[in-house]
Amino acid sequence: MIVTCLVVNLEGYACVNCLAFFPWQVERFSQEVQVPEARCFYGFQILIENVHSEMYSLLIDTYIKDPEERDFLFNAIETMPCVKKKADWALRWIRDRKATFGERVVAFASVEGIFFSGAFAAIFWLKKRGLMPGLTFSNELISRDEGLHCDFACLMFQYLVNKPSEERVREIIVNAVEIEQEFLTEALPVGLIGMNCTLMKQYIEFVADRLLLELGFSKVFQAENPFDFMENISLEGKTNFFEKRVSEYQRFAVMAETNDNVFTLDADF
């Protein structure tokens, strides 16, 4: 049951981010932003998000063997109202022609920084207990990418001349927090050891406060981090190459050949 809830959470993330939000939103950003470095970053961001989507699809194929349940997860936007609500929120900011560039940057950062931060916390909860190393390893790499994307959105916001007001920024972020908290209430209905809906909601508020500080504003919720294991995810690790696969130096398409795990008899001699 825990695995199903977590994979539903992750699939909702993949659907909203990759299929609904990024291609159209980044296309708008690329048309409006004239800085070549920023446009290149958005292009790589689409590439990375597509890799994330493929990874989540492989995870579902691995952990969910029931074809009907698998189809249910792959169509989470249509089958789960809480996931659809998140997708509709993201699409609203894409289609809103009256929204300013600064407002859409804040919404973009909210998707990266707030949406599904609870899913990352749930997976790291498994890592703390040494469970499901493949799932936790892929989640570690993906969460690192999402943190980079959120930081870049905040950096773009700092360079804006005409920024939205602090009240408007708070309104956008608080709305995103409410949607994410509602999602977690449905996705994680069972209380786990050291993790439940109340603590998860508090963690979402903590993440939102951190995002507000990074955007240059004051906190709203004044929440503290309820999960001690989430304090260590940003620390540099020291992994022995002979003990397990190293993630400290992992980059996309580097040290990651799928053919390395395939047994063949056609080796050249």
Protein backbone atom coordinates (compact mmCIF):
# COMPACT_ATOMS: atom_id res chain seq x y z
CA MET A 1 0.00 0.00 0.00
CA ILE A 2 2.85 2.37 0.83
CA VAL A 3 4.51 1.67 -2.51
CA THR A 4 1.25 2.31 -4.38
CA CYS A 5 0.69 5.65 -2.64
CA LEU A 6 4.23 6.76 -3.37
CA VAL A 7 4.14 5.74 -7.01
CA VAL A 8 0.77 7.49 -7.45
CA ASN A 9 2.40 10.57 -5.98
CA LEU A 10 5.35 10.34 -8.32
CA GLU A 11 3.25 9.63 -11.40
CA GLY A 12 1.15 12.66 -10.66
CA TYR A 13 4.37 14.61 -10.57
CA ALA A 14 5.54 13.27 -13.91
CA CYS A 15 2.20 13.91 -15.63
CA VAL A 16 1.77 17.46 -14.40
CA ASN A 17 5.35 18.56 -14.85
CA CYS A 18 6.29 16.95 -18.13
CA LEU A 19 3.08 16.58 -20.10
CA ALA A 20 1.09 19.60 -19.00
CA PHE A 21 3.29 22.31 -17.64
CA PHE A 22 6.79 22.47 -19.04
CA PRO A 23 6.59 22.24 -22.84
CA TRP A 24 4.02 25.04 -23.18
CA GLN A 25 5.24 27.17 -20.31
CA VAL A 26 8.89 26.96 -21.31
CA GLU A 27 7.91 27.77 -24.89
CA ARG A 28 6.33 30.99 -23.64
CA PHE A 29 9.38 31.77 -21.54
CA SER A 30 11.68 31.12 -24.49
CA GLN A 31 9.68 33.56 -26.62
CA GLU A 32 9.74 36.27 -23.97
CA VAL A 33 13.24 35.85 -22.54
CA GLN A 34 15.96 37.23 -24.79
CA VAL A 35 18.95 36.16 -22.69
CA PRO A 36 20.64 33.32 -24.64
CA GLU A 37 21.88 31.55 -21.51
CA ALA A 38 18.37 31.47 -20.01
CA ARG A 39 16.83 30.13 -23.21
CA CYS A 40 19.44 27.39 -23.34
CA PHE A 41 18.69 26.46 -19.74
CA TYR A 42 14.97 26.14 -20.48
CA GLY A 43 15.77 23.84 -23.38
CA PHE A 44 17.85 21.57 -21.18
CA GLN A 45 15.13 21.71 -18.55
CA ILE A 46 12.60 20.22 -20.98
CA LEU A 47 15.11 17.48 -21.81
CA ILE A 48 15.68 16.63 -18.15
CA GLU A 49 11.95 16.59 -17.37
CA ASN A 50 11.37 14.14 -20.22
CA VAL A 51 14.02 11.88 -18.69
CA HIS A 52 12.20 12.12 -15.35
CA SER A 53 8.95 11.11 -17.02
CA GLU A 54 10.61 8.06 -18.56
CA MET A 55 12.11 7.12 -15.19
CA TYR A 56 8.75 7.28 -13.44
CA SER A 57 7.20 5.16 -16.19
CA LEU A 58 9.87 2.52 -15.64
CA LEU A 59 9.26 2.61 -11.89
CA ILE A 60 5.55 1.97 -12.39
CA ASP A 61 6.28 -0.91 -14.77
CA THR A 62 8.63 -2.36 -12.15
CA TYR A 63 6.56 -2.02 -8.98
CA ILE A 64 2.99 -2.26 -10.30
CA LYS A 65 2.26 -5.59 -11.97
CA ASP A 66 -1.54 -5.32 -12.21
CA PRO A 67 -2.36 -3.97 -15.72
CA GLU A 68 -5.54 -2.22 -14.57
CA GLU A 69 -3.82 -0.51 -11.67
CA ARG A 70 -0.95 0.45 -13.95
CA ASP A 71 -3.34 2.07 -16.44
CA PHE A 72 -4.99 3.89 -13.55
CA LEU A 73 -1.65 5.37 -12.52
CA PHE A 74 -0.58 6.27 -16.05
CA ASN A 75 -3.83 8.23 -16.43
CA ALA A 76 -3.63 9.85 -13.00
CA ILE A 77 -4.67 13.25 -14.35
CA GLU A 78 -8.01 11.81 -15.50
CA THR A 79 -8.56 9.24 -12.74
CA MET A 80 -7.47 11.18 -9.64
CA PRO A 81 -9.24 14.50 -8.89
CA CYS A 82 -6.42 15.72 -6.65
CA VAL A 83 -3.89 15.24 -9.45
CA LYS A 84 -6.21 16.91 -11.96
CA LYS A 85 -6.52 19.90 -9.66
CA LYS A 86 -2.76 20.34 -9.67
CA ALA A 87 -2.64 20.07 -13.45
CA ASP A 88 -5.47 22.59 -13.83
CA TRP A 89 -3.63 25.02 -11.55
CA ALA A 90 -0.50 24.79 -13.69
CA LEU A 91 -2.45 25.08 -16.95
CA ARG A 92 -4.28 28.13 -15.67
CA TRP A 93 -1.01 30.02 -15.40
CA ILE A 94 0.03 28.90 -18.86
CA ARG A 95 -3.18 30.03 -20.56
CA ASP A 96 -3.69 33.23 -18.59
CA ARG A 97 -2.69 35.95 -21.03
CA LYS A 98 -3.26 38.63 -18.41
CA ALA A 99 -0.69 37.20 -16.00
CA THR A 100 2.59 39.07 -15.94
CA PHE A 101 5.93 37.43 -16.60
CA GLY A 102 6.88 37.78 -12.94
CA GLU A 103 3.69 36.06 -11.77
CA ARG A 104 4.29 33.13 -14.09
CA VAL A 105 7.88 32.82 -12.89
CA VAL A 106 6.59 32.59 -9.31
CA ALA A 107 4.05 29.95 -10.35
CA PHE A 108 6.81 28.10 -12.20
CA ALA A 109 8.96 28.13 -9.05
CA SER A 110 5.98 26.96 -6.98
CA VAL A 111 5.51 23.91 -9.19
CA GLU A 112 9.20 23.07 -8.92
CA GLY A 113 9.63 23.91 -5.25
CA ILE A 114 6.28 23.11 -3.61
CA PHE A 115 4.35 20.66 -5.77
CA PHE A 116 5.43 17.11 -4.94
CA SER A 117 7.98 18.14 -2.35
CA GLY A 118 5.91 15.89 -0.11
CA ALA A 119 6.48 13.01 -2.53
CA PHE A 120 10.23 13.56 -2.30
CA ALA A 121 9.99 13.56 1.50
CA ALA A 122 8.05 10.28 1.44
CA ILE A 123 10.70 8.63 -0.72
CA PHE A 124 13.53 9.92 1.48
CA TRP A 125 11.60 8.46 4.42
CA LEU A 126 12.10 5.09 2.76
CA LYS A 127 15.78 5.84 2.17
CA LYS A 128 16.28 6.59 5.86
CA ARG A 129 15.12 3.04 6.61
CA GLY A 130 17.22 1.45 3.88
CA LEU A 131 14.22 0.36 1.82
CA MET A 132 13.87 0.19 -1.97
CA PRO A 133 17.35 1.48 -2.95
CA GLY A 134 16.53 1.73 -6.66
CA LEU A 135 13.53 3.96 -6.06
CA THR A 136 15.34 6.14 -3.54
CA PHE A 137 18.43 6.49 -5.76
CA SER A 138 16.43 7.70 -8.75
CA ASN A 139 14.46 10.03 -6.49
CA GLU A 140 17.70 11.49 -5.15
CA LEU A 141 18.85 12.40 -8.65
CA ILE A 142 15.45 13.79 -9.66
CA SER A 143 15.06 15.90 -6.52
CA ARG A 144 18.51 17.36 -7.20
CA ASP A 145 17.41 18.41 -10.69
CA GLU A 146 14.18 19.94 -9.40
CA GLY A 147 16.08 21.95 -6.82
CA LEU A 148 18.27 23.35 -9.59
CA HIS A 149 15.23 24.30 -11.68
CA CYS A 150 13.61 26.04 -8.72
CA ASP A 151 16.81 27.96 -7.96
CA PHE A 152 17.00 29.13 -11.57
CA ALA A 153 13.41 30.38 -11.48
CA CYS A 154 14.22 32.35 -8.32
CA LEU A 155 17.34 33.72 -10.02
CA MET A 156 15.28 34.88 -12.99
CA PHE A 157 12.88 36.58 -10.58
CA GLN A 158 15.71 38.52 -8.96
CA TYR A 159 16.69 40.04 -12.32
CA LEU A 160 13.18 41.29 -13.10
CA VAL A 161 12.67 45.04 -13.03
CA ASN A 162 8.87 44.98 -12.73
CA LYS A 163 8.24 42.39 -10.05
CA PRO A 164 4.78 41.51 -8.73
CA SER A 165 3.92 42.79 -5.27
CA GLU A 166 4.72 40.77 -2.17
CA GLU A 167 1.00 40.28 -1.57
CA ARG A 168 0.55 38.82 -5.04
CA VAL A 169 3.53 36.48 -4.63
CA ARG A 170 2.21 35.29 -1.29
CA GLU A 171 -1.21 34.68 -2.80
CA ILE A 172 0.25 32.45 -5.52
CA ILE A 173 2.43 30.46 -3.14
CA VAL A 174 -0.26 30.03 -0.46
CA ASN A 175 -2.65 28.76 -3.13
CA ALA A 176 -0.04 26.23 -4.27
CA VAL A 177 0.47 25.12 -0.66
CA GLU A 178 -3.26 24.52 -0.18
CA ILE A 179 -3.47 22.39 -3.32
CA GLU A 180 -0.41 20.34 -2.36
CA GLN A 181 -1.69 19.79 1.17
CA GLU A 182 -5.02 18.56 -0.19
CA PHE A 183 -3.17 16.22 -2.53
CA LEU A 184 -1.08 14.74 0.27
CA THR A 185 -4.15 14.17 2.42
CA GLU A 186 -5.55 11.87 -0.28
CA ALA A 187 -2.26 10.33 -1.44
CA LEU A 188 -0.95 9.47 2.04
CA PRO A 189 -4.01 8.55 4.12
CA VAL A 190 -2.12 6.09 6.34
CA GLY A 191 0.03 7.35 9.21
CA LEU A 192 3.59 6.00 9.02
CA ILE A 193 6.29 5.86 11.68
CA GLY A 194 7.64 9.40 11.81
CA MET A 195 5.38 10.63 9.00
CA ASN A 196 1.69 11.51 8.78
CA CYS A 197 -0.56 14.06 7.09
CA THR A 198 -0.11 16.66 9.83
CA LEU A 199 3.67 16.55 9.65
CA MET A 200 3.56 16.49 5.86
CA LYS A 201 1.42 19.63 5.77
CA GLN A 202 3.87 21.32 8.12
CA TYR A 203 6.73 20.32 5.83
CA ILE A 204 4.96 21.84 2.82
CA GLU A 205 4.60 25.10 4.75
CA PHE A 206 8.30 24.96 5.63
CA VAL A 207 9.20 24.51 1.95
CA ALA A 208 6.95 27.43 1.00
CA ASP A 209 8.65 29.69 3.55
CA ARG A 210 12.03 28.71 2.16
CA LEU A 211 10.85 29.54 -1.36
CA LEU A 212 9.59 32.95 -0.22
CA LEU A 213 12.98 33.72 1.33
CA GLU A 214 14.74 32.71 -1.88
CA LEU A 215 12.46 35.05 -3.83
CA GLY A 216 13.41 37.87 -1.48
CA PHE A 217 10.30 38.04 0.71
CA SER A 218 9.49 37.25 4.33
CA LYS A 219 8.00 34.01 5.64
CA VAL A 220 4.26 33.41 5.87
CA PHE A 221 3.82 30.21 7.86
CA GLN A 222 6.86 30.38 10.19
CA ALA A 223 6.96 26.57 10.07
CA GLU A 224 9.86 24.39 11.11
CA ASN A 225 11.08 21.29 9.31
CA PRO A 226 9.41 18.29 11.00
CA PHE A 227 11.56 15.73 9.19
CA ASP A 228 15.13 15.52 10.44
CA PHE A 229 16.16 13.26 7.55
CA MET A 230 15.34 16.02 5.04
CA GLU A 231 18.06 18.20 6.57
CA ASN A 232 20.73 15.85 5.23
CA ILE A 233 19.69 15.58 1.58
CA SER A 234 21.73 18.63 0.56
CA LEU A 235 24.92 17.43 2.25
CA GLU A 236 27.74 16.18 0.06
CA GLY A 237 28.10 12.42 0.28
CA LYS A 238 31.24 10.32 0.26
CA THR A 239 30.39 7.03 -1.42
CA ASN A 240 32.90 4.25 -1.98
CA PHE A 241 32.95 3.34 -5.67
CA PHE A 242 33.27 -0.35 -4.78
CA GLU A 243 30.28 -0.39 -2.44
CA LYS A 244 27.44 0.96 -4.55
CA ARG A 245 26.58 3.17 -7.50
CA VAL A 246 27.83 6.70 -6.87
CA SER A 247 25.38 9.60 -7.16
CA GLU A 248 27.60 12.48 -6.03
CA TYR A 249 29.05 12.89 -9.51
CA GLN A 250 26.11 11.56 -11.51
CA ARG A 251 24.96 13.61 -14.47
CA PHE A 252 22.50 12.91 -17.26
CA ALA A 253 23.88 10.38 -19.78
CA VAL A 254 27.15 10.06 -17.82
CA MET A 255 28.02 6.73 -16.17
CA ALA A 256 24.53 5.54 -17.07
CA GLU A 257 24.54 3.13 -19.99
CA THR A 258 21.55 0.76 -20.09
CA ASN A 259 23.62 -1.77 -22.05
CA ASP A 260 25.88 -2.23 -19.02
CA ASN A 261 23.15 -4.29 -17.33
CA VAL A 262 22.43 -6.57 -20.31
CA PHE A 263 23.93 -10.05 -20.69
CA THR A 264 25.02 -10.75 -24.27
CA LEU A 265 27.04 -13.40 -26.09
CA ASP A 266 28.20 -11.26 -29.01
CA ALA A 267 31.25 -9.65 -27.38
CA ASP A 268 34.20 -8.90 -29.67
CA PHE A 269 37.35 -10.96 -29.11
